[in-house]
């Protein structure tokens, strides 16, 4: 045994390694997502993400974005900002509990299994939202509204 990690109050359902950083994320029946850091000799709890109202079934780091994605028996998928450690987005199903997640390593796709099937979706738009007005282009990039003036 390399590490013994204690911190969840109830059974752990899922754990995932970060693809490039020394981090582990776990989800459990205590309705919490926990972030852990590790080195050669030990692993320790870094933070707890709270927001699910039932057992956390699966949790993973996104391969290309700085987010953690979790799903739960509370019929929701939550997206957490990894640096701020806050919830940024929630997707819900009316009648189905979520059980499993898969994140495509190259393409902006996420698959989530639920009681009656599976959904595949994109976390965000691949083309920015934009509008033009009086010779200017307004667009969203990196969560900011940007302006490009055609005249300059």
C-alpha atoms as a PDB file:
ATOM      1  CA  UNK A   1       0.000   0.000   0.000  1.00  0.00           C
ATOM      2  CA  UNK A   2       1.479   3.324  -1.063  1.00  0.00           C
ATOM      3  CA  UNK A   3      -1.025   5.722   0.581  1.00  0.00           C
ATOM      4  CA  UNK A   4      -3.880   5.432   3.058  1.00  0.00           C
ATOM      5  CA  UNK A   5      -6.202   8.370   2.481  1.00  0.00           C
ATOM      6  CA  UNK A   6      -8.925   9.050   5.003  1.00  0.00           C
ATOM      7  CA  UNK A   7     -11.371  11.934   4.863  1.00  0.00           C
ATOM      8  CA  UNK A   8     -14.702  10.794   3.493  1.00  0.00           C
ATOM      9  CA  UNK A   9     -17.396  10.021   6.083  1.00  0.00           C
ATOM     10  CA  UNK A  10     -18.980   7.243   4.003  1.00  0.00           C
ATOM     11  CA  UNK A  11     -17.992   4.812   1.242  1.00  0.00           C
ATOM     12  CA  UNK A  12     -15.880   6.069  -1.662  1.00  0.00           C
ATOM     13  CA  UNK A  13     -17.447   5.261  -5.051  1.00  0.00           C
ATOM     14  CA  UNK A  14     -14.851   6.678  -7.426  1.00  0.00           C
ATOM     15  CA  UNK A  15     -11.290   8.011  -7.586  1.00  0.00           C
ATOM     16  CA  UNK A  16      -9.395   9.441 -10.571  1.00  0.00           C
ATOM     17  CA  UNK A  17      -5.845  10.634 -11.159  1.00  0.00           C
ATOM     18  CA  UNK A  18      -5.141  13.979 -12.820  1.00  0.00           C
ATOM     19  CA  UNK A  19      -3.596  13.395 -16.278  1.00  0.00           C
ATOM     20  CA  UNK A  20      -0.483  15.508 -15.587  1.00  0.00           C
ATOM     21  CA  UNK A  21      -0.476  16.854 -12.002  1.00  0.00           C
ATOM     22  CA  UNK A  22       0.083  14.942  -8.723  1.00  0.00           C
ATOM     23  CA  UNK A  23      -3.624  15.130  -7.842  1.00  0.00           C
ATOM     24  CA  UNK A  24      -6.400  12.644  -7.132  1.00  0.00           C
ATOM     25  CA  UNK A  25     -10.114  13.390  -6.951  1.00  0.00           C
ATOM     26  CA  UNK A  26     -12.635  11.167  -5.149  1.00  0.00           C
ATOM     27  CA  UNK A  27     -16.414  11.022  -4.742  1.00  0.00           C
ATOM     28  CA  UNK A  28     -18.369   9.238  -2.026  1.00  0.00           C
ATOM     29  CA  UNK A  29     -21.665   8.454  -0.362  1.00  0.00           C
ATOM     30  CA  UNK A  30     -21.085  11.426   1.970  1.00  0.00           C
ATOM     31  CA  UNK A  31     -22.164  13.593  -1.043  1.00  0.00           C
ATOM     32  CA  UNK A  32     -18.711  15.179  -1.238  1.00  0.00           C
ATOM     33  CA  UNK A  33     -15.984  15.470  -3.845  1.00  0.00           C
ATOM     34  CA  UNK A  34     -12.506  15.591  -2.350  1.00  0.00           C
ATOM     35  CA  UNK A  35      -9.295  16.815  -3.941  1.00  0.00           C
ATOM     36  CA  UNK A  36      -6.040  15.168  -2.824  1.00  0.00           C
ATOM     37  CA  UNK A  37      -2.389  15.971  -3.535  1.00  0.00           C
ATOM     38  CA  UNK A  38       0.373  13.375  -3.485  1.00  0.00           C
ATOM     39  CA  UNK A  39       4.145  13.153  -3.577  1.00  0.00           C
ATOM     40  CA  UNK A  40       6.597  10.258  -3.370  1.00  0.00           C
ATOM     41  CA  UNK A  41       5.959   9.564   0.308  1.00  0.00           C
ATOM     42  CA  UNK A  42       2.440  10.707   1.198  1.00  0.00           C
ATOM     43  CA  UNK A  43      -0.961  11.941   0.025  1.00  0.00           C
ATOM     44  CA  UNK A  44      -3.129  14.520   1.777  1.00  0.00           C
ATOM     45  CA  UNK A  45      -6.513  16.166   1.442  1.00  0.00           C
ATOM     46  CA  UNK A  46      -6.449  19.579  -0.233  1.00  0.00           C
ATOM     47  CA  UNK A  47     -10.114  20.580  -0.337  1.00  0.00           C
ATOM     48  CA  UNK A  48     -13.730  19.413  -0.276  1.00  0.00           C
ATOM     49  CA  UNK A  49     -16.303  20.367  -2.924  1.00  0.00           C
ATOM     50  CA  UNK A  50     -19.866  20.405  -1.611  1.00  0.00           C
ATOM     51  CA  UNK A  51     -23.075  20.756  -3.591  1.00  0.00           C
ATOM     52  CA  UNK A  52     -24.468  17.322  -4.370  1.00  0.00           C
ATOM     53  CA  UNK A  53     -27.521  16.307  -2.347  1.00  0.00           C
ATOM     54  CA  UNK A  54     -27.033  12.544  -2.737  1.00  0.00           C
ATOM     55  CA  UNK A  55     -24.218  10.013  -3.259  1.00  0.00           C
ATOM     56  CA  UNK A  56     -21.465  11.052  -5.694  1.00  0.00           C
ATOM     57  CA  UNK A  57     -21.218   8.227  -8.242  1.00  0.00           C
ATOM     58  CA  UNK A  58     -18.293   9.310 -10.401  1.00  0.00           C
ATOM     59  CA  UNK A  59     -15.784  12.166 -10.545  1.00  0.00           C
ATOM     60  CA  UNK A  60     -13.014  13.005 -13.009  1.00  0.00           C
ATOM     61  CA  UNK A  61     -10.572  15.693 -14.072  1.00  0.00           C
ATOM     62  CA  UNK A  62     -11.243  17.116 -17.526  1.00  0.00           C
ATOM     63  CA  UNK A  63      -8.412  16.251 -19.919  1.00  0.00           C
ATOM     64  CA  UNK A  64      -8.172  19.705 -21.559  1.00  0.00           C
ATOM     65  CA  UNK A  65      -9.810  22.181 -19.170  1.00  0.00           C
ATOM     66  CA  UNK A  66      -9.097  23.161 -15.565  1.00  0.00           C
ATOM     67  CA  UNK A  67     -12.313  21.640 -14.243  1.00  0.00           C
ATOM     68  CA  UNK A  68     -13.493  18.663 -12.227  1.00  0.00           C
ATOM     69  CA  UNK A  69     -16.714  16.954 -13.321  1.00  0.00           C
ATOM     70  CA  UNK A  70     -18.847  14.907 -10.939  1.00  0.00           C
ATOM     71  CA  UNK A  71     -22.181  13.150 -11.185  1.00  0.00           C
ATOM     72  CA  UNK A  72     -24.528  11.899  -8.540  1.00  0.00           C
ATOM     73  CA  UNK A  73     -27.607   9.985  -7.573  1.00  0.00           C
ATOM     74  CA  UNK A  74     -29.157  13.458  -7.037  1.00  0.00           C
ATOM     75  CA  UNK A  75     -29.769  13.455 -10.844  1.00  0.00           C
ATOM     76  CA  UNK A  76     -27.113  16.095 -11.542  1.00  0.00           C
ATOM     77  CA  UNK A  77     -23.754  16.561 -13.202  1.00  0.00           C
ATOM     78  CA  UNK A  78     -21.658  19.325 -11.678  1.00  0.00           C
ATOM     79  CA  UNK A  79     -18.686  21.150 -13.179  1.00  0.00           C
ATOM     80  CA  UNK A  80     -16.232  22.591 -10.655  1.00  0.00           C
ATOM     81  CA  UNK A  81     -13.552  25.216 -11.313  1.00  0.00           C
ATOM     82  CA  UNK A  82     -10.343  23.524 -10.211  1.00  0.00           C
ATOM     83  CA  UNK A  83      -8.457  26.664  -9.177  1.00  0.00           C
ATOM     84  CA  UNK A  84     -11.347  28.402  -7.351  1.00  0.00           C
ATOM     85  CA  UNK A  85     -12.828  25.077  -6.204  1.00  0.00           C
ATOM     86  CA  UNK A  86     -16.367  26.288  -6.768  1.00  0.00           C
ATOM     87  CA  UNK A  87     -19.265  24.985  -8.817  1.00  0.00           C
ATOM     88  CA  UNK A  88     -19.562  26.698 -12.194  1.00  0.00           C
ATOM     89  CA  UNK A  89     -22.244  24.669 -13.972  1.00  0.00           C
ATOM     90  CA  UNK A  90     -24.942  22.102 -13.168  1.00  0.00           C
ATOM     91  CA  UNK A  91     -26.817  19.809 -15.566  1.00  0.00           C
ATOM     92  CA  UNK A  92     -29.899  17.950 -14.343  1.00  0.00           C
ATOM     93  CA  UNK A  93     -32.167  15.083 -15.419  1.00  0.00           C
ATOM     94  CA  UNK A  94     -35.723  14.956 -14.178  1.00  0.00           C
ATOM     95  CA  UNK A  95     -36.068  11.247 -13.405  1.00  0.00           C
ATOM     96  CA  UNK A  96     -32.654   9.601 -13.809  1.00  0.00           C
ATOM     97  CA  UNK A  97     -29.742   9.189 -11.422  1.00  0.00           C
ATOM     98  CA  UNK A  98     -26.276   9.523 -12.954  1.00  0.00           C
ATOM     99  CA  UNK A  99     -23.746   6.721 -12.448  1.00  0.00           C
ATOM    100  CA  UNK A 100     -20.717   7.023 -14.730  1.00  0.00           C
ATOM    101  CA  UNK A 101     -18.704   9.626 -16.689  1.00  0.00           C
ATOM    102  CA  UNK A 102     -16.332   9.468 -19.626  1.00  0.00           C
ATOM    103  CA  UNK A 103     -14.407  12.447 -20.984  1.00  0.00           C
ATOM    104  CA  UNK A 104     -13.014  12.308 -24.503  1.00  0.00           C
ATOM    105  CA  UNK A 105      -9.233  12.918 -24.370  1.00  0.00           C
ATOM    106  CA  UNK A 106      -9.088  15.037 -27.553  1.00  0.00           C
ATOM    107  CA  UNK A 107     -12.556  16.329 -28.462  1.00  0.00           C
ATOM    108  CA  UNK A 108     -14.901  18.554 -26.442  1.00  0.00           C
ATOM    109  CA  UNK A 109     -17.260  15.678 -25.538  1.00  0.00           C
ATOM    110  CA  UNK A 110     -18.504  14.239 -22.271  1.00  0.00           C
ATOM    111  CA  UNK A 111     -20.583  11.057 -21.859  1.00  0.00           C
ATOM    112  CA  UNK A 112     -22.682  10.364 -18.773  1.00  0.00           C
ATOM    113  CA  UNK A 113     -24.599   7.168 -18.018  1.00  0.00           C
ATOM    114  CA  UNK A 114     -27.908   7.390 -16.175  1.00  0.00           C
ATOM    115  CA  UNK A 115     -30.774   5.075 -15.156  1.00  0.00           C
ATOM    116  CA  UNK A 116     -32.394   4.940 -18.601  1.00  0.00           C
ATOM    117  CA  UNK A 117     -29.447   5.433 -20.951  1.00  0.00           C
ATOM    118  CA  UNK A 118     -26.620   7.806 -21.718  1.00  0.00           C
ATOM    119  CA  UNK A 119     -26.163  11.415 -22.806  1.00  0.00           C
ATOM    120  CA  UNK A 120     -23.226  12.797 -24.784  1.00  0.00           C
ATOM    121  CA  UNK A 121     -22.754  16.561 -24.806  1.00  0.00           C
ATOM    122  CA  UNK A 122     -20.281  19.449 -24.995  1.00  0.00           C
ATOM    123  CA  UNK A 123     -19.379  21.457 -21.912  1.00  0.00           C
ATOM    124  CA  UNK A 124     -19.172  24.733 -23.817  1.00  0.00           C
ATOM    125  CA  UNK A 125     -19.583  26.230 -27.235  1.00  0.00           C
ATOM    126  CA  UNK A 126     -16.743  25.636 -29.650  1.00  0.00           C
ATOM    127  CA  UNK A 127     -17.430  28.871 -31.526  1.00  0.00           C
ATOM    128  CA  UNK A 128     -17.645  32.061 -29.507  1.00  0.00           C
ATOM    129  CA  UNK A 129     -20.905  33.969 -29.237  1.00  0.00           C
ATOM    130  CA  UNK A 130     -20.690  37.189 -31.259  1.00  0.00           C
ATOM    131  CA  UNK A 131     -22.618  40.182 -32.585  1.00  0.00           C
ATOM    132  CA  UNK A 132     -21.820  43.124 -34.845  1.00  0.00           C
ATOM    133  CA  UNK A 133     -22.889  46.721 -34.333  1.00  0.00           C
ATOM    134  CA  UNK A 134     -21.874  49.899 -36.198  1.00  0.00           C
ATOM    135  CA  UNK A 135     -18.575  48.571 -37.561  1.00  0.00           C
ATOM    136  CA  UNK A 136     -17.566  46.716 -34.393  1.00  0.00           C
ATOM    137  CA  UNK A 137     -17.475  43.023 -33.592  1.00  0.00           C
ATOM    138  CA  UNK A 138     -18.368  41.980 -30.052  1.00  0.00           C
ATOM    139  CA  UNK A 139     -17.418  38.441 -29.053  1.00  0.00           C
ATOM    140  CA  UNK A 140     -16.856  36.288 -25.971  1.00  0.00           C
ATOM    141  CA  UNK A 141     -13.421  34.783 -25.405  1.00  0.00           C
ATOM    142  CA  UNK A 142     -12.016  33.317 -22.168  1.00  0.00           C
ATOM    143  CA  UNK A 143     -15.217  34.341 -20.337  1.00  0.00           C
ATOM    144  CA  UNK A 144     -14.732  38.034 -21.256  1.00  0.00           C
ATOM    145  CA  UNK A 145     -16.638  40.229 -23.682  1.00  0.00           C
ATOM    146  CA  UNK A 146     -14.152  41.465 -26.304  1.00  0.00           C
ATOM    147  CA  UNK A 147     -14.420  44.211 -28.914  1.00  0.00           C
ATOM    148  CA  UNK A 148     -12.816  44.333 -32.342  1.00  0.00           C
ATOM    149  CA  UNK A 149     -13.178  47.633 -34.204  1.00  0.00           C
ATOM    150  CA  UNK A 150     -13.086  47.123 -37.976  1.00  0.00           C
ATOM    151  CA  UNK A 151     -11.942  50.732 -38.497  1.00  0.00           C
ATOM    152  CA  UNK A 152      -8.656  50.319 -36.611  1.00  0.00           C
END
